[in-house]
Amino acid sequence: EEIRQQRIDELDIENHRLRQLLNSSLSQVDSLSNEIHHLSSYLSRNRRRY
């Protein structure tokens, strides 16, 4: 029983770590997509000049 509880605790910690990793990855994706958005609008504005 104690070993089982220990395993549950370990999985809990791992789960927490993975969630944090996922969250930081998601925020990176967010900022990348913002950057892409800015770049593409910049490009389309410049294209009109020529």
PDB file of N, CA and C in Angstrom:
ATOM      1  N   GLU A   1       0.841  -1.222   0.000  1.00  0.00           N
ATOM      2  CA  GLU A   1       0.000   0.000   0.000  1.00  0.00           C
ATOM      3  C   GLU A   1       0.870   1.265   0.000  1.00  0.00           C
ATOM      4  N   GLU A   2       1.900   1.230   0.822  1.00  0.00           N
ATOM      5  CA  GLU A   2       2.796   2.387   0.886  1.00  0.00           C
ATOM      6  C   GLU A   2       3.516   2.595  -0.446  1.00  0.00           C
ATOM      7  N   ILE A   3       3.935   1.488  -1.044  1.00  0.00           N
ATOM      8  CA  ILE A   3       4.610   1.556  -2.343  1.00  0.00           C
ATOM      9  C   ILE A   3       3.657   2.104  -3.409  1.00  0.00           C
ATOM     10  N   ARG A   4       2.417   1.656  -3.331  1.00  0.00           N
ATOM     11  CA  ARG A   4       1.409   2.136  -4.272  1.00  0.00           C
ATOM     12  C   ARG A   4       1.212   3.652  -4.132  1.00  0.00           C
ATOM     13  N   GLN A   5       1.138   4.113  -2.897  1.00  0.00           N
ATOM     14  CA  GLN A   5       0.970   5.540  -2.628  1.00  0.00           C
ATOM     15  C   GLN A   5       2.175   6.338  -3.137  1.00  0.00           C
ATOM     16  N   GLN A   6       3.344   5.769  -2.952  1.00  0.00           N
ATOM     17  CA  GLN A   6       4.573   6.419  -3.413  1.00  0.00           C
ATOM     18  C   GLN A   6       4.558   6.562  -4.936  1.00  0.00           C
ATOM     19  N   ARG A   7       4.103   5.514  -5.589  1.00  0.00           N
ATOM     20  CA  ARG A   7       4.019   5.526  -7.051  1.00  0.00           C
ATOM     21  C   ARG A   7       3.017   6.585  -7.528  1.00  0.00           C
ATOM     22  N   ILE A   8       1.907   6.681  -6.827  1.00  0.00           N
ATOM     23  CA  ILE A   8       0.887   7.685  -7.149  1.00  0.00           C
ATOM     24  C   ILE A   8       1.478   9.088  -7.001  1.00  0.00           C
ATOM     25  N   ASP A   9       2.227   9.293  -5.926  1.00  0.00           N
ATOM     26  CA  ASP A   9       2.877  10.587  -5.710  1.00  0.00           C
ATOM     27  C   ASP A   9       3.858  10.923  -6.832  1.00  0.00           C
ATOM     28  N   GLU A  10       4.636   9.932  -7.234  1.00  0.00           N
ATOM     29  CA  GLU A  10       5.592  10.145  -8.326  1.00  0.00           C
ATOM     30  C   GLU A  10       4.874  10.521  -9.618  1.00  0.00           C
ATOM     31  N   LEU A  11       3.788   9.818  -9.890  1.00  0.00           N
ATOM     32  CA  LEU A  11       3.022  10.105 -11.103  1.00  0.00           C
ATOM     33  C   LEU A  11       2.392  11.492 -11.041  1.00  0.00           C
ATOM     34  N   ASP A  12       1.982  11.869  -9.864  1.00  0.00           N
ATOM     35  CA  ASP A  12       1.412  13.189  -9.642  1.00  0.00           C
ATOM     36  C   ASP A  12       2.425  14.285  -9.968  1.00  0.00           C
ATOM     37  N   ILE A  13       3.631  14.097  -9.480  1.00  0.00           N
ATOM     38  CA  ILE A  13       4.717  15.044  -9.736  1.00  0.00           C
ATOM     39  C   ILE A  13       5.040  15.110 -11.233  1.00  0.00           C
ATOM     40  N   GLU A  14       5.114  13.953 -11.844  1.00  0.00           N
ATOM     41  CA  GLU A  14       5.384  13.884 -13.280  1.00  0.00           C
ATOM     42  C   GLU A  14       4.271  14.568 -14.085  1.00  0.00           C
ATOM     43  N   ASN A  15       3.058  14.322 -13.680  1.00  0.00           N
ATOM     44  CA  ASN A  15       1.909  14.940 -14.321  1.00  0.00           C
ATOM     45  C   ASN A  15       1.990  16.471 -14.238  1.00  0.00           C
ATOM     46  N   HIS A  16       2.341  16.959 -13.081  1.00  0.00           N
ATOM     47  CA  HIS A  16       2.484  18.395 -12.871  1.00  0.00           C
ATOM     48  C   HIS A  16       3.577  18.976 -13.777  1.00  0.00           C
ATOM     49  N   ARG A  17       4.699  18.274 -13.836  1.00  0.00           N
ATOM     50  CA  ARG A  17       5.819  18.703 -14.673  1.00  0.00           C
ATOM     51  C   ARG A  17       5.409  18.770 -16.147  1.00  0.00           C
ATOM     52  N   LEU A  18       4.699  17.746 -16.594  1.00  0.00           N
ATOM     53  CA  LEU A  18       4.266  17.708 -17.990  1.00  0.00           C
ATOM     54  C   LEU A  18       3.260  18.812 -18.302  1.00  0.00           C
ATOM     55  N   ARG A  19       2.401  19.094 -17.340  1.00  0.00           N
ATOM     56  CA  ARG A  19       1.451  20.194 -17.527  1.00  0.00           C
ATOM     57  C   ARG A  19       2.163  21.529 -17.697  1.00  0.00           C
ATOM     58  N   GLN A  20       3.171  21.751 -16.860  1.00  0.00           N
ATOM     59  CA  GLN A  20       3.939  22.990 -16.965  1.00  0.00           C
ATOM     60  C   GLN A  20       4.652  23.089 -18.303  1.00  0.00           C
ATOM     61  N   LEU A  21       5.205  21.968 -18.729  1.00  0.00           N
ATOM     62  CA  LEU A  21       5.874  21.917 -20.021  1.00  0.00           C
ATOM     63  C   LEU A  21       4.893  22.239 -21.148  1.00  0.00           C
ATOM     64  N   LEU A  22       3.733  21.627 -21.074  1.00  0.00           N
ATOM     65  CA  LEU A  22       2.698  21.875 -22.067  1.00  0.00           C
ATOM     66  C   LEU A  22       2.291  23.347 -22.081  1.00  0.00           C
ATOM     67  N   ASN A  23       2.086  23.915 -20.912  1.00  0.00           N
ATOM     68  CA  ASN A  23       1.704  25.318 -20.836  1.00  0.00           C
ATOM     69  C   ASN A  23       2.750  26.244 -21.429  1.00  0.00           C
ATOM     70  N   SER A  24       4.000  25.968 -21.141  1.00  0.00           N
ATOM     71  CA  SER A  24       5.032  26.832 -21.700  1.00  0.00           C
ATOM     72  C   SER A  24       5.149  26.638 -23.211  1.00  0.00           C
ATOM     73  N   SER A  25       4.952  25.407 -23.679  1.00  0.00           N
ATOM     74  CA  SER A  25       4.944  25.165 -25.122  1.00  0.00           C
ATOM     75  C   SER A  25       3.793  25.902 -25.793  1.00  0.00           C
ATOM     76  N   LEU A  26       2.635  25.872 -25.151  1.00  0.00           N
ATOM     77  CA  LEU A  26       1.475  26.561 -25.705  1.00  0.00           C
ATOM     78  C   LEU A  26       1.692  28.066 -25.767  1.00  0.00           C
ATOM     79  N   SER A  27       2.320  28.618 -24.761  1.00  0.00           N
ATOM     80  CA  SER A  27       2.554  30.050 -24.812  1.00  0.00           C
ATOM     81  C   SER A  27       3.602  30.410 -25.865  1.00  0.00           C
ATOM     82  N   GLN A  28       4.557  29.511 -26.099  1.00  0.00           N
ATOM     83  CA  GLN A  28       5.511  29.732 -27.190  1.00  0.00           C
ATOM     84  C   GLN A  28       4.807  29.693 -28.543  1.00  0.00           C
ATOM     85  N   VAL A  29       3.900  28.753 -28.693  1.00  0.00           N
ATOM     86  CA  VAL A  29       3.130  28.659 -29.929  1.00  0.00           C
ATOM     87  C   VAL A  29       2.321  29.942 -30.131  1.00  0.00           C
ATOM     88  N   ASP A  30       1.731  30.420 -29.066  1.00  0.00           N
ATOM     89  CA  ASP A  30       0.980  31.669 -29.105  1.00  0.00           C
ATOM     90  C   ASP A  30       1.825  32.835 -29.598  1.00  0.00           C
ATOM     91  N   SER A  31       2.990  33.000 -29.005  1.00  0.00           N
ATOM     92  CA  SER A  31       3.802  34.135 -29.407  1.00  0.00           C
ATOM     93  C   SER A  31       4.345  33.967 -30.818  1.00  0.00           C
ATOM     94  N   LEU A  32       4.644  32.735 -31.213  1.00  0.00           N
ATOM     95  CA  LEU A  32       5.055  32.490 -32.592  1.00  0.00           C
ATOM     96  C   LEU A  32       3.941  32.840 -33.569  1.00  0.00           C
ATOM     97  N   SER A  33       2.742  32.455 -33.232  1.00  0.00           N
ATOM     98  CA  SER A  33       1.650  32.735 -34.152  1.00  0.00           C
ATOM     99  C   SER A  33       1.370  34.236 -34.231  1.00  0.00           C
ATOM    100  N   ASN A  34       1.569  34.944 -33.131  1.00  0.00           N
ATOM    101  CA  ASN A  34       1.476  36.407 -33.174  1.00  0.00           C
ATOM    102  C   ASN A  34       2.532  37.006 -34.092  1.00  0.00           C
ATOM    103  N   GLU A  35       3.736  36.509 -33.952  1.00  0.00           N
ATOM    104  CA  GLU A  35       4.825  36.985 -34.795  1.00  0.00           C
ATOM    105  C   GLU A  35       4.527  36.742 -36.274  1.00  0.00           C
ATOM    106  N   ILE A  36       4.047  35.558 -36.580  1.00  0.00           N
ATOM    107  CA  ILE A  36       3.695  35.219 -37.957  1.00  0.00           C
ATOM    108  C   ILE A  36       2.611  36.155 -38.475  1.00  0.00           C
ATOM    109  N   HIS A  37       1.647  36.409 -37.621  1.00  0.00           N
ATOM    110  CA  HIS A  37       0.568  37.318 -37.996  1.00  0.00           C
ATOM    111  C   HIS A  37       1.112  38.714 -38.335  1.00  0.00           C
ATOM    112  N   HIS A  38       1.973  39.239 -37.469  1.00  0.00           N
ATOM    113  CA  HIS A  38       2.568  40.555 -37.717  1.00  0.00           C
ATOM    114  C   HIS A  38       3.386  40.568 -38.998  1.00  0.00           C
ATOM    115  N   LEU A  39       4.186  39.541 -39.177  1.00  0.00           N
ATOM    116  CA  LEU A  39       5.003  39.454 -40.379  1.00  0.00           C
ATOM    117  C   LEU A  39       4.158  39.415 -41.641  1.00  0.00           C
ATOM    118  N   SER A  40       3.107  38.627 -41.614  1.00  0.00           N
ATOM    119  CA  SER A  40       2.316  38.517 -42.832  1.00  0.00           C
ATOM    120  C   SER A  40       1.558  39.807 -43.137  1.00  0.00           C
ATOM    121  N   SER A  41       1.111  40.515 -42.105  1.00  0.00           N
ATOM    122  CA  SER A  41       0.457  41.789 -42.400  1.00  0.00           C
ATOM    123  C   SER A  41       1.473  42.831 -42.875  1.00  0.00           C
ATOM    124  N   TYR A  42       2.670  42.785 -42.303  1.00  0.00           N
ATOM    125  CA  TYR A  42       3.745  43.651 -42.767  1.00  0.00           C
ATOM    126  C   TYR A  42       4.055  43.381 -44.238  1.00  0.00           C
ATOM    127  N   LEU A  43       4.159  42.113 -44.582  1.00  0.00           N
ATOM    128  CA  LEU A  43       4.442  41.726 -45.963  1.00  0.00           C
ATOM    129  C   LEU A  43       3.338  42.171 -46.921  1.00  0.00           C
ATOM    130  N   SER A  44       2.120  42.001 -46.506  1.00  0.00           N
ATOM    131  CA  SER A  44       1.040  42.385 -47.415  1.00  0.00           C
ATOM    132  C   SER A  44       0.953  43.905 -47.582  1.00  0.00           C
ATOM    133  N   ARG A  45       1.270  44.647 -46.534  1.00  0.00           N
ATOM    134  CA  ARG A  45       1.319  46.110 -46.667  1.00  0.00           C
ATOM    135  C   ARG A  45       2.407  46.526 -47.650  1.00  0.00           C
ATOM    136  N   ASN A  46       3.567  45.893 -47.531  1.00  0.00           N
ATOM    137  CA  ASN A  46       4.671  46.246 -48.410  1.00  0.00           C
ATOM    138  C   ASN A  46       4.445  45.830 -49.855  1.00  0.00           C
ATOM    139  N   ARG A  47       3.739  44.751 -50.035  1.00  0.00           N
ATOM    140  CA  ARG A  47       3.481  44.273 -51.385  1.00  0.00           C
ATOM    141  C   ARG A  47       2.650  45.291 -52.175  1.00  0.00           C
ATOM    142  N   ARG A  48       1.768  45.978 -51.484  1.00  0.00           N
ATOM    143  CA  ARG A  48       0.912  46.948 -52.168  1.00  0.00           C
ATOM    144  C   ARG A  48       1.696  48.122 -52.742  1.00  0.00           C
ATOM    145  N   ARG A  49       2.821  48.419 -52.133  1.00  0.00           N
ATOM    146  CA  ARG A  49       3.623  49.540 -52.624  1.00  0.00           C
ATOM    147  C   ARG A  49       4.191  49.295 -54.015  1.00  0.00           C
ATOM    148  N   TYR A  50       4.451  48.028 -54.322  1.00  0.00           N
ATOM    149  CA  TYR A  50       5.137  47.744 -55.585  1.00  0.00           C
ATOM    150  C   TYR A  50       4.173  47.419 -56.703  1.00  0.00           C
TER     151      TYR A  50
END
